[in-house]
Amino acid sequence: MKRILLALLIGGATLTSLSSCTKEYITNPLPGVTYKFAVPGDKYKWKTSSTPKSFEISVPFNEIDAKYFDYGQVAVAISFNDSPDFYINIGANNVPTSNGPYNFRTEYSFYDGKLDGFLNIYADYLGNGIATPPPNFQAKVTLTDGDNGDN
């Protein structure tokens, strides 16, 4: 009888302690945001860069501010107009693509005292003969916030 009462007491204490647990939900107060735009666009066209086989577009990007530049992430992907269901992620280094003889890369900048950031997209022509600008595509830029981890 004592064992049954002891077992009930331990079981009741266990149920009481487990039922008092609460779940904590961590929500991200800094969600990412994505922008899509056509390349080339009305206000930015391809121009030749340092070599006649390298093309560059500099897109004014007001959303790249000091916080994104210092602590956030800027990710760029492109989708060619003839393959709208397929995106290619572009890193800072050369990324070979299967759509023509181009390597794409991106850079972004922000200078204190300026309101605008800039997103530069480069297309390096690797083919033979006269270099031509790459085909039109949609750019998708995702900005992800981050907190300062230096504490």
C-alpha atoms as a PDB file:
ATOM      1  CA  MET A   1       0.000   0.000   0.000  1.00  0.00           C
ATOM      2  CA  LYS A   2       2.840   2.354   0.877  1.00  0.00           C
ATOM      3  CA  ARG A   3       4.457   1.601  -2.474  1.00  0.00           C
ATOM      4  CA  ILE A   4       1.260   2.443  -4.348  1.00  0.00           C
ATOM      5  CA  LEU A   5       0.905   5.735  -2.473  1.00  0.00           C
ATOM      6  CA  LEU A   6       4.582   6.534  -3.086  1.00  0.00           C
ATOM      7  CA  ALA A   7       4.197   5.737  -6.796  1.00  0.00           C
ATOM      8  CA  LEU A   8       1.096   7.969  -7.002  1.00  0.00           C
ATOM      9  CA  LEU A   9       2.926  10.767  -5.194  1.00  0.00           C
ATOM     10  CA  ILE A  10       5.929  10.559  -7.542  1.00  0.00           C
ATOM     11  CA  GLY A  11       3.660  10.333 -10.597  1.00  0.00           C
ATOM     12  CA  GLY A  12       1.622  13.342  -9.464  1.00  0.00           C
ATOM     13  CA  ALA A  13       4.744  15.389  -8.778  1.00  0.00           C
ATOM     14  CA  THR A  14       6.105  14.471 -12.216  1.00  0.00           C
ATOM     15  CA  LEU A  15       2.882  15.466 -13.973  1.00  0.00           C
ATOM     16  CA  THR A  16       2.752  18.727 -12.048  1.00  0.00           C
ATOM     17  CA  SER A  17       6.317  19.650 -12.942  1.00  0.00           C
ATOM     18  CA  LEU A  18       5.870  18.735 -16.622  1.00  0.00           C
ATOM     19  CA  SER A  19       2.623  20.632 -16.998  1.00  0.00           C
ATOM     20  CA  SER A  20       4.240  23.818 -15.720  1.00  0.00           C
ATOM     21  CA  CYS A  21       6.663  23.947 -18.686  1.00  0.00           C
ATOM     22  CA  THR A  22       5.973  26.688 -21.183  1.00  0.00           C
ATOM     23  CA  LYS A  23       7.064  26.852 -24.770  1.00  0.00           C
ATOM     24  CA  GLU A  24       9.112  29.801 -25.894  1.00  0.00           C
ATOM     25  CA  TYR A  25       8.698  31.022 -29.432  1.00  0.00           C
ATOM     26  CA  ILE A  26      11.566  32.923 -30.977  1.00  0.00           C
ATOM     27  CA  THR A  27      10.419  35.176 -33.757  1.00  0.00           C
ATOM     28  CA  ASN A  28      12.755  36.949 -36.115  1.00  0.00           C
ATOM     29  CA  PRO A  29      12.109  40.670 -35.696  1.00  0.00           C
ATOM     30  CA  LEU A  30      14.301  41.299 -38.734  1.00  0.00           C
ATOM     31  CA  PRO A  31      12.724  39.502 -41.710  1.00  0.00           C
ATOM     32  CA  GLY A  32      14.388  39.531 -45.102  1.00  0.00           C
ATOM     33  CA  VAL A  33      12.952  41.369 -48.073  1.00  0.00           C
ATOM     34  CA  THR A  34      13.247  40.573 -51.793  1.00  0.00           C
ATOM     35  CA  TYR A  35      13.191  42.918 -54.801  1.00  0.00           C
ATOM     36  CA  LYS A  36      12.877  41.927 -58.477  1.00  0.00           C
ATOM     37  CA  PHE A  37      13.753  44.080 -61.464  1.00  0.00           C
ATOM     38  CA  ALA A  38      14.628  43.772 -65.147  1.00  0.00           C
ATOM     39  CA  VAL A  39      18.228  43.980 -66.359  1.00  0.00           C
ATOM     40  CA  PRO A  40      18.906  46.092 -68.312  1.00  0.00           C
ATOM     41  CA  GLY A  41      16.372  48.605 -67.019  1.00  0.00           C
ATOM     42  CA  ASP A  42      15.108  52.025 -68.052  1.00  0.00           C
ATOM     43  CA  LYS A  43      17.664  53.878 -65.911  1.00  0.00           C
ATOM     44  CA  TYR A  44      20.624  51.502 -66.150  1.00  0.00           C
ATOM     45  CA  LYS A  45      22.163  49.916 -69.226  1.00  0.00           C
ATOM     46  CA  TRP A  46      25.135  47.651 -69.837  1.00  0.00           C
ATOM     47  CA  LYS A  47      28.433  49.443 -70.258  1.00  0.00           C
ATOM     48  CA  THR A  48      31.864  48.003 -70.898  1.00  0.00           C
ATOM     49  CA  SER A  49      34.044  47.688 -67.848  1.00  0.00           C
ATOM     50  CA  SER A  50      37.820  47.411 -67.530  1.00  0.00           C
ATOM     51  CA  THR A  51      38.163  45.238 -70.624  1.00  0.00           C
ATOM     52  CA  PRO A  52      36.092  45.217 -73.802  1.00  0.00           C
ATOM     53  CA  LYS A  53      34.858  41.730 -72.863  1.00  0.00           C
ATOM     54  CA  SER A  54      33.439  42.707 -69.476  1.00  0.00           C
ATOM     55  CA  PHE A  55      30.036  44.360 -69.056  1.00  0.00           C
ATOM     56  CA  GLU A  56      28.743  46.162 -65.983  1.00  0.00           C
ATOM     57  CA  ILE A  57      25.450  47.541 -64.756  1.00  0.00           C
ATOM     58  CA  SER A  58      25.364  49.770 -61.690  1.00  0.00           C
ATOM     59  CA  VAL A  59      21.888  49.828 -60.135  1.00  0.00           C
ATOM     60  CA  PRO A  60      21.055  52.503 -57.548  1.00  0.00           C
ATOM     61  CA  PHE A  61      19.717  50.512 -54.614  1.00  0.00           C
ATOM     62  CA  ASN A  62      18.346  52.787 -51.890  1.00  0.00           C
ATOM     63  CA  GLU A  63      17.582  49.827 -49.651  1.00  0.00           C
ATOM     64  CA  ILE A  64      21.275  48.987 -49.129  1.00  0.00           C
ATOM     65  CA  ASP A  65      21.971  51.208 -46.148  1.00  0.00           C
ATOM     66  CA  ALA A  66      24.624  51.243 -43.420  1.00  0.00           C
ATOM     67  CA  LYS A  67      22.892  48.490 -41.400  1.00  0.00           C
ATOM     68  CA  TYR A  68      22.666  46.063 -44.357  1.00  0.00           C
ATOM     69  CA  PHE A  69      26.196  46.939 -45.405  1.00  0.00           C
ATOM     70  CA  ASP A  70      27.689  46.416 -41.936  1.00  0.00           C
ATOM     71  CA  TYR A  71      25.619  43.533 -40.564  1.00  0.00           C
ATOM     72  CA  GLY A  72      23.255  42.220 -43.229  1.00  0.00           C
ATOM     73  CA  GLN A  73      23.476  39.988 -46.268  1.00  0.00           C
ATOM     74  CA  VAL A  74      22.818  40.910 -49.890  1.00  0.00           C
ATOM     75  CA  ALA A  75      22.049  37.880 -52.077  1.00  0.00           C
ATOM     76  CA  VAL A  76      21.530  38.126 -55.854  1.00  0.00           C
ATOM     77  CA  ALA A  77      20.015  35.608 -58.276  1.00  0.00           C
ATOM     78  CA  ILE A  78      19.197  35.994 -61.966  1.00  0.00           C
ATOM     79  CA  SER A  79      16.625  34.393 -64.237  1.00  0.00           C
ATOM     80  CA  PHE A  80      16.999  34.735 -67.992  1.00  0.00           C
ATOM     81  CA  ASN A  81      13.881  35.756 -69.874  1.00  0.00           C
ATOM     82  CA  ASP A  82      13.970  32.559 -71.952  1.00  0.00           C
ATOM     83  CA  SER A  83      14.026  30.417 -68.731  1.00  0.00           C
ATOM     84  CA  PRO A  84      11.791  32.253 -66.232  1.00  0.00           C
ATOM     85  CA  ASP A  85      11.377  29.187 -63.982  1.00  0.00           C
ATOM     86  CA  PHE A  86      15.106  28.875 -63.243  1.00  0.00           C
ATOM     87  CA  TYR A  87      17.280  31.144 -61.063  1.00  0.00           C
ATOM     88  CA  ILE A  88      21.064  31.179 -60.808  1.00  0.00           C
ATOM     89  CA  ASN A  89      22.556  32.431 -57.526  1.00  0.00           C
ATOM     90  CA  ILE A  90      25.397  34.841 -58.118  1.00  0.00           C
ATOM     91  CA  GLY A  91      28.200  35.041 -55.596  1.00  0.00           C
ATOM     92  CA  ALA A  92      31.011  37.557 -55.325  1.00  0.00           C
ATOM     93  CA  ASN A  93      33.297  35.264 -57.325  1.00  0.00           C
ATOM     94  CA  ASN A  94      32.811  34.148 -60.908  1.00  0.00           C
ATOM     95  CA  VAL A  95      29.849  31.848 -61.357  1.00  0.00           C
ATOM     96  CA  PRO A  96      29.645  29.952 -64.651  1.00  0.00           C
ATOM     97  CA  THR A  97      26.196  29.929 -66.228  1.00  0.00           C
ATOM     98  CA  SER A  98      24.645  27.610 -68.743  1.00  0.00           C
ATOM     99  CA  ASN A  99      23.055  30.486 -70.674  1.00  0.00           C
ATOM    100  CA  GLY A 100      25.738  31.677 -73.035  1.00  0.00           C
ATOM    101  CA  PRO A 101      29.441  32.225 -72.547  1.00  0.00           C
ATOM    102  CA  TYR A 102      29.270  34.508 -69.469  1.00  0.00           C
ATOM    103  CA  ASN A 103      30.508  34.503 -65.919  1.00  0.00           C
ATOM    104  CA  PHE A 104      28.449  36.707 -63.620  1.00  0.00           C
ATOM    105  CA  ARG A 105      29.506  38.356 -60.369  1.00  0.00           C
ATOM    106  CA  THR A 106      28.143  41.069 -58.099  1.00  0.00           C
ATOM    107  CA  GLU A 107      29.388  43.731 -55.742  1.00  0.00           C
ATOM    108  CA  TYR A 108      27.517  46.191 -53.580  1.00  0.00           C
ATOM    109  CA  SER A 109      28.606  49.395 -51.919  1.00  0.00           C
ATOM    110  CA  PHE A 110      27.427  51.994 -49.465  1.00  0.00           C
ATOM    111  CA  TYR A 111      29.254  55.137 -48.437  1.00  0.00           C
ATOM    112  CA  ASP A 112      28.522  57.043 -45.234  1.00  0.00           C
ATOM    113  CA  GLY A 113      26.918  60.358 -46.022  1.00  0.00           C
ATOM    114  CA  LYS A 114      25.136  59.000 -49.119  1.00  0.00           C
ATOM    115  CA  LEU A 115      21.540  57.927 -49.072  1.00  0.00           C
ATOM    116  CA  ASP A 116      21.898  55.375 -51.834  1.00  0.00           C
ATOM    117  CA  GLY A 117      23.652  52.074 -51.970  1.00  0.00           C
ATOM    118  CA  PHE A 118      24.675  50.560 -55.296  1.00  0.00           C
ATOM    119  CA  LEU A 119      24.456  47.054 -56.658  1.00  0.00           C
ATOM    120  CA  ASN A 120      26.910  46.282 -59.454  1.00  0.00           C
ATOM    121  CA  ILE A 121      26.318  43.286 -61.698  1.00  0.00           C
ATOM    122  CA  TYR A 122      29.200  42.174 -63.931  1.00  0.00           C
ATOM    123  CA  ALA A 123      29.056  39.867 -66.938  1.00  0.00           C
ATOM    124  CA  ASP A 124      32.417  38.685 -68.252  1.00  0.00           C
ATOM    125  CA  TYR A 125      32.234  37.447 -71.847  1.00  0.00           C
ATOM    126  CA  LEU A 126      34.277  34.257 -72.270  1.00  0.00           C
ATOM    127  CA  GLY A 127      33.409  33.553 -75.889  1.00  0.00           C
ATOM    128  CA  ASN A 128      35.470  34.102 -79.022  1.00  0.00           C
ATOM    129  CA  GLY A 129      35.055  37.053 -81.311  1.00  0.00           C
ATOM    130  CA  ILE A 130      33.313  40.324 -80.619  1.00  0.00           C
ATOM    131  CA  ALA A 131      31.846  40.556 -77.138  1.00  0.00           C
ATOM    132  CA  THR A 132      28.122  41.215 -76.909  1.00  0.00           C
ATOM    133  CA  PRO A 133      26.108  42.065 -73.792  1.00  0.00           C
ATOM    134  CA  PRO A 134      24.339  39.151 -72.111  1.00  0.00           C
ATOM    135  CA  PRO A 135      20.667  38.453 -72.801  1.00  0.00           C
ATOM    136  CA  ASN A 136      18.009  40.259 -70.762  1.00  0.00           C
ATOM    137  CA  PHE A 137      17.164  38.785 -67.376  1.00  0.00           C
ATOM    138  CA  GLN A 138      15.308  39.372 -64.134  1.00  0.00           C
ATOM    139  CA  ALA A 139      17.426  40.080 -61.075  1.00  0.00           C
ATOM    140  CA  LYS A 140      16.199  39.035 -57.653  1.00  0.00           C
ATOM    141  CA  VAL A 141      17.925  40.724 -54.708  1.00  0.00           C
ATOM    142  CA  THR A 142      17.248  39.507 -51.179  1.00  0.00           C
ATOM    143  CA  LEU A 143      18.325  41.650 -48.234  1.00  0.00           C
ATOM    144  CA  THR A 144      18.604  39.857 -44.901  1.00  0.00           C
ATOM    145  CA  ASP A 145      19.029  41.802 -41.671  1.00  0.00           C
ATOM    146  CA  GLY A 146      21.425  40.826 -38.953  1.00  0.00           C
ATOM    147  CA  ASP A 147      22.249  42.126 -35.499  1.00  0.00           C
ATOM    148  CA  ASN A 148      25.671  43.304 -34.425  1.00  0.00           C
ATOM    149  CA  GLY A 149      27.283  40.257 -32.823  1.00  0.00           C
ATOM    150  CA  ASP A 150      30.158  42.187 -31.244  1.00  0.00           C
ATOM    151  CA  ASN A 151      28.047  42.984 -28.147  1.00  0.00           C
END
